Amino acid sequence: MDALILFLFIIVIIMLNIAIFIFYKKGKLNLIISGIILMMLAPVFGFSSGALFLQFYDWSSGGTGEGAGYGGAFLGLITLANGVLLLVFGIIRWGIKWIQT
């Protein structure tokens, strides 16, 4: 079940990135704003994926389930890094456009 959760997370992040770049190319969304939106979504993805990992954890194995929290935190950090990357690219692009004018 954890592979399914990870697969769905990857699909959602890829779809978000595709939608962001489509809206950016159409001129409807700035990269800086989209980076901030993704950074705000990072805790939501982290907590929800950690909760899902914990929900489907096999308690009969004798563990405490803290790996589910680590997995959720890791997915949240990946989303945060994606948002920071978009924010930095947006700032660099804005700076280059500002220098050229």
N, C-alpha and C. Protein backbone atom coordinates (compact mmCIF):
# COMPACT_ATOMS: atom_id res chain seq x y z
N MET A 1 0.82 -1.18 0.00
CA MET A 1 0.00 0.00 0.00
C MET A 1 0.87 1.26 0.00
N ASP A 2 2.05 1.17 0.61
CA ASP A 2 2.91 2.35 0.65
C ASP A 2 3.41 2.72 -0.73
N ALA A 3 3.60 1.72 -1.60
CA ALA A 3 4.02 2.02 -2.96
C ALA A 3 2.92 2.77 -3.72
N LEU A 4 1.68 2.42 -3.44
CA LEU A 4 0.56 3.12 -4.08
C LEU A 4 0.48 4.57 -3.62
N ILE A 5 0.66 4.80 -2.33
CA ILE A 5 0.64 6.16 -1.79
C ILE A 5 1.77 6.98 -2.40
N LEU A 6 2.96 6.39 -2.49
CA LEU A 6 4.10 7.10 -3.08
C LEU A 6 3.86 7.38 -4.56
N PHE A 7 3.30 6.41 -5.28
CA PHE A 7 2.99 6.60 -6.69
C PHE A 7 1.98 7.72 -6.89
N LEU A 8 0.94 7.75 -6.07
CA LEU A 8 -0.06 8.82 -6.16
C LEU A 8 0.54 10.18 -5.84
N PHE A 9 1.44 10.23 -4.84
CA PHE A 9 2.11 11.48 -4.51
C PHE A 9 2.93 11.98 -5.69
N ILE A 10 3.68 11.09 -6.32
CA ILE A 10 4.50 11.48 -7.47
C ILE A 10 3.63 11.97 -8.61
N ILE A 11 2.51 11.29 -8.87
CA ILE A 11 1.59 11.71 -9.93
C ILE A 11 1.01 13.09 -9.63
N VAL A 12 0.62 13.35 -8.38
CA VAL A 12 0.04 14.65 -8.01
C VAL A 12 1.08 15.75 -8.18
N ILE A 13 2.31 15.52 -7.74
CA ILE A 13 3.36 16.54 -7.87
C ILE A 13 3.67 16.81 -9.34
N ILE A 14 3.74 15.78 -10.15
CA ILE A 14 4.00 15.97 -11.58
C ILE A 14 2.85 16.74 -12.23
N MET A 15 1.60 16.40 -11.89
CA MET A 15 0.46 17.13 -12.46
C MET A 15 0.46 18.59 -12.01
N LEU A 16 0.81 18.85 -10.75
CA LEU A 16 0.90 20.23 -10.28
C LEU A 16 1.97 21.01 -11.04
N ASN A 17 3.13 20.39 -11.25
CA ASN A 17 4.19 21.07 -11.98
C ASN A 17 3.79 21.34 -13.43
N ILE A 18 3.13 20.39 -14.07
CA ILE A 18 2.67 20.60 -15.45
C ILE A 18 1.65 21.72 -15.50
N ALA A 19 0.72 21.73 -14.56
CA ALA A 19 -0.30 22.79 -14.53
C ALA A 19 0.34 24.15 -14.28
N ILE A 20 1.33 24.20 -13.39
CA ILE A 20 2.02 25.46 -13.11
C ILE A 20 2.70 25.99 -14.35
N PHE A 21 3.39 25.13 -15.08
CA PHE A 21 4.09 25.61 -16.27
C PHE A 21 3.14 25.94 -17.41
N ILE A 22 2.02 25.26 -17.50
CA ILE A 22 1.02 25.62 -18.51
C ILE A 22 0.45 27.01 -18.21
N PHE A 23 0.09 27.24 -16.94
CA PHE A 23 -0.43 28.56 -16.56
C PHE A 23 0.65 29.64 -16.69
N TYR A 24 1.90 29.28 -16.46
CA TYR A 24 2.99 30.25 -16.61
C TYR A 24 3.16 30.64 -18.07
N LYS A 25 3.12 29.65 -18.96
CA LYS A 25 3.29 29.94 -20.39
C LYS A 25 2.13 30.78 -20.93
N LYS A 26 0.93 30.60 -20.38
CA LYS A 26 -0.22 31.40 -20.80
C LYS A 26 -0.21 32.79 -20.17
N GLY A 27 0.67 33.02 -19.21
CA GLY A 27 0.76 34.32 -18.56
C GLY A 27 -0.24 34.52 -17.44
N LYS A 28 -0.83 33.45 -16.94
CA LYS A 28 -1.85 33.57 -15.89
C LYS A 28 -1.29 33.37 -14.49
N LEU A 29 -0.08 32.83 -14.37
CA LEU A 29 0.48 32.54 -13.06
C LEU A 29 1.97 32.82 -13.09
N ASN A 30 2.43 33.51 -12.07
CA ASN A 30 3.84 33.83 -11.93
C ASN A 30 4.55 32.67 -11.24
N LEU A 31 5.82 32.44 -11.59
CA LEU A 31 6.57 31.36 -10.96
C LEU A 31 6.80 31.61 -9.48
N ILE A 32 6.94 32.86 -9.09
CA ILE A 32 7.15 33.18 -7.68
C ILE A 32 5.90 32.81 -6.88
N ILE A 33 4.74 33.16 -7.39
CA ILE A 33 3.48 32.84 -6.71
C ILE A 33 3.27 31.33 -6.64
N SER A 34 3.58 30.64 -7.74
CA SER A 34 3.39 29.19 -7.74
C SER A 34 4.35 28.50 -6.79
N GLY A 35 5.56 29.02 -6.64
CA GLY A 35 6.49 28.48 -5.66
C GLY A 35 5.99 28.66 -4.24
N ILE A 36 5.41 29.82 -3.97
CA ILE A 36 4.85 30.08 -2.63
C ILE A 36 3.66 29.16 -2.37
N ILE A 37 2.82 28.94 -3.39
CA ILE A 37 1.68 28.04 -3.23
C ILE A 37 2.16 26.62 -2.93
N LEU A 38 3.16 26.15 -3.66
CA LEU A 38 3.68 24.81 -3.41
C LEU A 38 4.32 24.70 -2.04
N MET A 39 4.99 25.75 -1.60
CA MET A 39 5.59 25.72 -0.26
C MET A 39 4.51 25.68 0.81
N MET A 40 3.37 26.31 0.55
CA MET A 40 2.28 26.27 1.51
C MET A 40 1.57 24.91 1.50
N LEU A 41 1.62 24.21 0.38
CA LEU A 41 1.03 22.88 0.29
C LEU A 41 1.92 21.79 0.87
N ALA A 42 3.18 22.08 1.11
CA ALA A 42 4.13 21.07 1.59
C ALA A 42 3.70 20.45 2.92
N PRO A 43 3.29 21.23 3.94
CA PRO A 43 2.85 20.56 5.17
C PRO A 43 1.59 19.72 4.98
N VAL A 44 0.71 20.15 4.10
CA VAL A 44 -0.50 19.38 3.84
C VAL A 44 -0.15 18.02 3.25
N PHE A 45 0.75 18.02 2.25
CA PHE A 45 1.18 16.76 1.66
C PHE A 45 1.94 15.91 2.66
N GLY A 46 2.78 16.52 3.47
CA GLY A 46 3.56 15.77 4.45
C GLY A 46 2.69 15.12 5.50
N PHE A 47 1.78 15.89 6.08
CA PHE A 47 0.91 15.34 7.13
C PHE A 47 -0.05 14.30 6.58
N SER A 48 -0.63 14.57 5.41
CA SER A 48 -1.60 13.62 4.88
C SER A 48 -0.93 12.32 4.44
N SER A 49 0.24 12.40 3.82
CA SER A 49 0.91 11.17 3.43
C SER A 49 1.41 10.41 4.66
N GLY A 50 1.89 11.11 5.68
CA GLY A 50 2.29 10.44 6.91
C GLY A 50 1.12 9.76 7.59
N ALA A 51 -0.04 10.42 7.58
CA ALA A 51 -1.24 9.81 8.17
C ALA A 51 -1.68 8.59 7.38
N LEU A 52 -1.58 8.66 6.06
CA LEU A 52 -1.93 7.50 5.25
C LEU A 52 -0.95 6.35 5.46
N PHE A 53 0.33 6.67 5.53
CA PHE A 53 1.32 5.62 5.83
C PHE A 53 1.03 4.97 7.17
N LEU A 54 0.67 5.76 8.16
CA LEU A 54 0.39 5.23 9.49
C LEU A 54 -0.92 4.44 9.51
N GLN A 55 -1.90 4.88 8.72
CA GLN A 55 -3.17 4.17 8.65
C GLN A 55 -2.99 2.75 8.11
N PHE A 56 -2.13 2.60 7.12
CA PHE A 56 -1.94 1.29 6.48
C PHE A 56 -0.70 0.57 7.00
N TYR A 57 -0.21 0.96 8.16
CA TYR A 57 0.97 0.32 8.74
C TYR A 57 0.58 -1.05 9.30
N ASP A 58 1.47 -2.02 9.14
CA ASP A 58 1.24 -3.36 9.66
C ASP A 58 1.69 -3.42 11.11
N TRP A 59 0.73 -3.29 12.03
CA TRP A 59 1.06 -3.25 13.45
C TRP A 59 1.48 -4.61 14.00
N SER A 60 1.22 -5.67 13.25
CA SER A 60 1.61 -6.99 13.74
C SER A 60 3.11 -7.23 13.62
N SER A 61 3.83 -6.34 12.94
CA SER A 61 5.27 -6.52 12.79
C SER A 61 6.02 -6.13 14.05
N GLY A 62 5.36 -5.48 15.00
CA GLY A 62 5.98 -5.16 16.27
C GLY A 62 6.69 -3.83 16.32
N GLY A 63 6.57 -3.02 15.30
CA GLY A 63 7.22 -1.72 15.28
C GLY A 63 6.35 -0.64 15.90
N THR A 64 6.92 0.54 15.99
CA THR A 64 6.18 1.66 16.58
C THR A 64 5.52 2.53 15.52
N GLY A 65 5.84 2.34 14.24
CA GLY A 65 5.21 3.11 13.18
C GLY A 65 5.85 4.46 12.94
N GLU A 66 7.02 4.72 13.53
CA GLU A 66 7.63 6.03 13.35
C GLU A 66 8.19 6.21 11.94
N GLY A 67 8.39 5.13 11.22
CA GLY A 67 8.82 5.23 9.83
C GLY A 67 7.78 5.92 8.97
N ALA A 68 6.52 5.77 9.35
CA ALA A 68 5.44 6.44 8.61
C ALA A 68 5.58 7.95 8.74
N GLY A 69 5.92 8.40 9.94
CA GLY A 69 6.14 9.84 10.14
C GLY A 69 7.35 10.34 9.37
N TYR A 70 8.41 9.53 9.37
CA TYR A 70 9.61 9.92 8.60
C TYR A 70 9.31 9.98 7.11
N GLY A 71 8.52 9.02 6.63
CA GLY A 71 8.14 9.02 5.22
C GLY A 71 7.30 10.24 4.85
N GLY A 72 6.35 10.58 5.72
CA GLY A 72 5.53 11.76 5.46
C GLY A 72 6.35 13.04 5.49
N ALA A 73 7.28 13.11 6.45
CA ALA A 73 8.15 14.29 6.52
C ALA A 73 9.04 14.40 5.29
N PHE A 74 9.52 13.28 4.81
CA PHE A 74 10.36 13.29 3.62
C PHE A 74 9.58 13.76 2.40
N LEU A 75 8.34 13.28 2.24
CA LEU A 75 7.52 13.72 1.12
C LEU A 75 7.17 15.20 1.24
N GLY A 76 6.95 15.67 2.45
CA GLY A 76 6.71 17.09 2.67
C GLY A 76 7.93 17.92 2.31
N LEU A 77 9.12 17.43 2.66
CA LEU A 77 10.35 18.15 2.32
C LEU A 77 10.60 18.16 0.82
N ILE A 78 10.24 17.09 0.14
CA ILE A 78 10.37 17.07 -1.33
C ILE A 78 9.46 18.14 -1.94
N THR A 79 8.24 18.24 -1.45
CA THR A 79 7.32 19.26 -1.95
C THR A 79 7.83 20.66 -1.63
N LEU A 80 8.38 20.84 -0.45
CA LEU A 80 8.94 22.14 -0.07
C LEU A 80 10.12 22.50 -0.97
N ALA A 81 10.99 21.54 -1.24
CA ALA A 81 12.14 21.79 -2.12
C ALA A 81 11.67 22.14 -3.54
N ASN A 82 10.62 21.49 -4.00
CA ASN A 82 10.06 21.81 -5.31
C ASN A 82 9.54 23.24 -5.34
N GLY A 83 8.85 23.65 -4.29
CA GLY A 83 8.35 25.02 -4.21
C GLY A 83 9.47 26.05 -4.13
N VAL A 84 10.52 25.74 -3.36
CA VAL A 84 11.66 26.65 -3.25
C VAL A 84 12.37 26.77 -4.60
N LEU A 85 12.49 25.66 -5.31
CA LEU A 85 13.11 25.68 -6.62
C LEU A 85 12.33 26.57 -7.59
N LEU A 86 11.01 26.44 -7.58
CA LEU A 86 10.18 27.31 -8.43
C LEU A 86 10.31 28.77 -8.02
N LEU A 87 10.36 29.03 -6.72
CA LEU A 87 10.51 30.39 -6.23
C LEU A 87 11.84 30.99 -6.67
N VAL A 88 12.90 30.23 -6.56
CA VAL A 88 14.23 30.72 -6.95
C VAL A 88 14.28 30.96 -8.45
N PHE A 89 13.73 30.04 -9.26
CA PHE A 89 13.71 30.26 -10.70
C PHE A 89 12.89 31.49 -11.06
N GLY A 90 11.78 31.71 -10.36
CA GLY A 90 10.97 32.90 -10.61
C GLY A 90 11.70 34.17 -10.26
N ILE A 91 12.43 34.17 -9.15
CA ILE A 91 13.20 35.36 -8.75
C ILE A 91 14.33 35.61 -9.74
N ILE A 92 15.01 34.56 -10.17
CA ILE A 92 16.10 34.73 -11.15
C ILE A 92 15.54 35.25 -12.46
N ARG A 93 14.42 34.70 -12.91
CA ARG A 93 13.81 35.16 -14.16
C ARG A 93 13.35 36.62 -14.04
N TRP A 94 12.78 36.99 -12.88
CA TRP A 94 12.38 38.37 -12.66
C TRP A 94 13.60 39.29 -12.67
N GLY A 95 14.69 38.86 -12.06
CA GLY A 95 15.91 39.66 -12.03
C GLY A 95 16.50 39.85 -13.41
N ILE A 96 16.50 38.82 -14.22
CA ILE A 96 17.02 38.93 -15.58
C ILE A 96 16.14 39.86 -16.41
N LYS A 97 14.83 39.74 -16.24
CA LYS A 97 13.92 40.63 -16.98
C LYS A 97 14.09 42.07 -16.51
N TRP A 98 14.32 42.27 -15.22
CA TRP A 98 14.50 43.62 -14.67
C TRP A 98 15.81 44.24 -15.17
N ILE A 99 16.87 43.44 -15.28
CA ILE A 99 18.16 43.94 -15.78
C ILE A 99 18.08 44.28 -17.25
N GLN A 100 17.34 43.51 -18.03
CA GLN A 100 17.25 43.75 -19.47
C GLN A 100 16.43 44.99 -19.82
N THR A 101 15.57 45.45 -18.91
CA THR A 101 14.76 46.63 -19.23
C THR A 101 15.39 47.90 -18.80
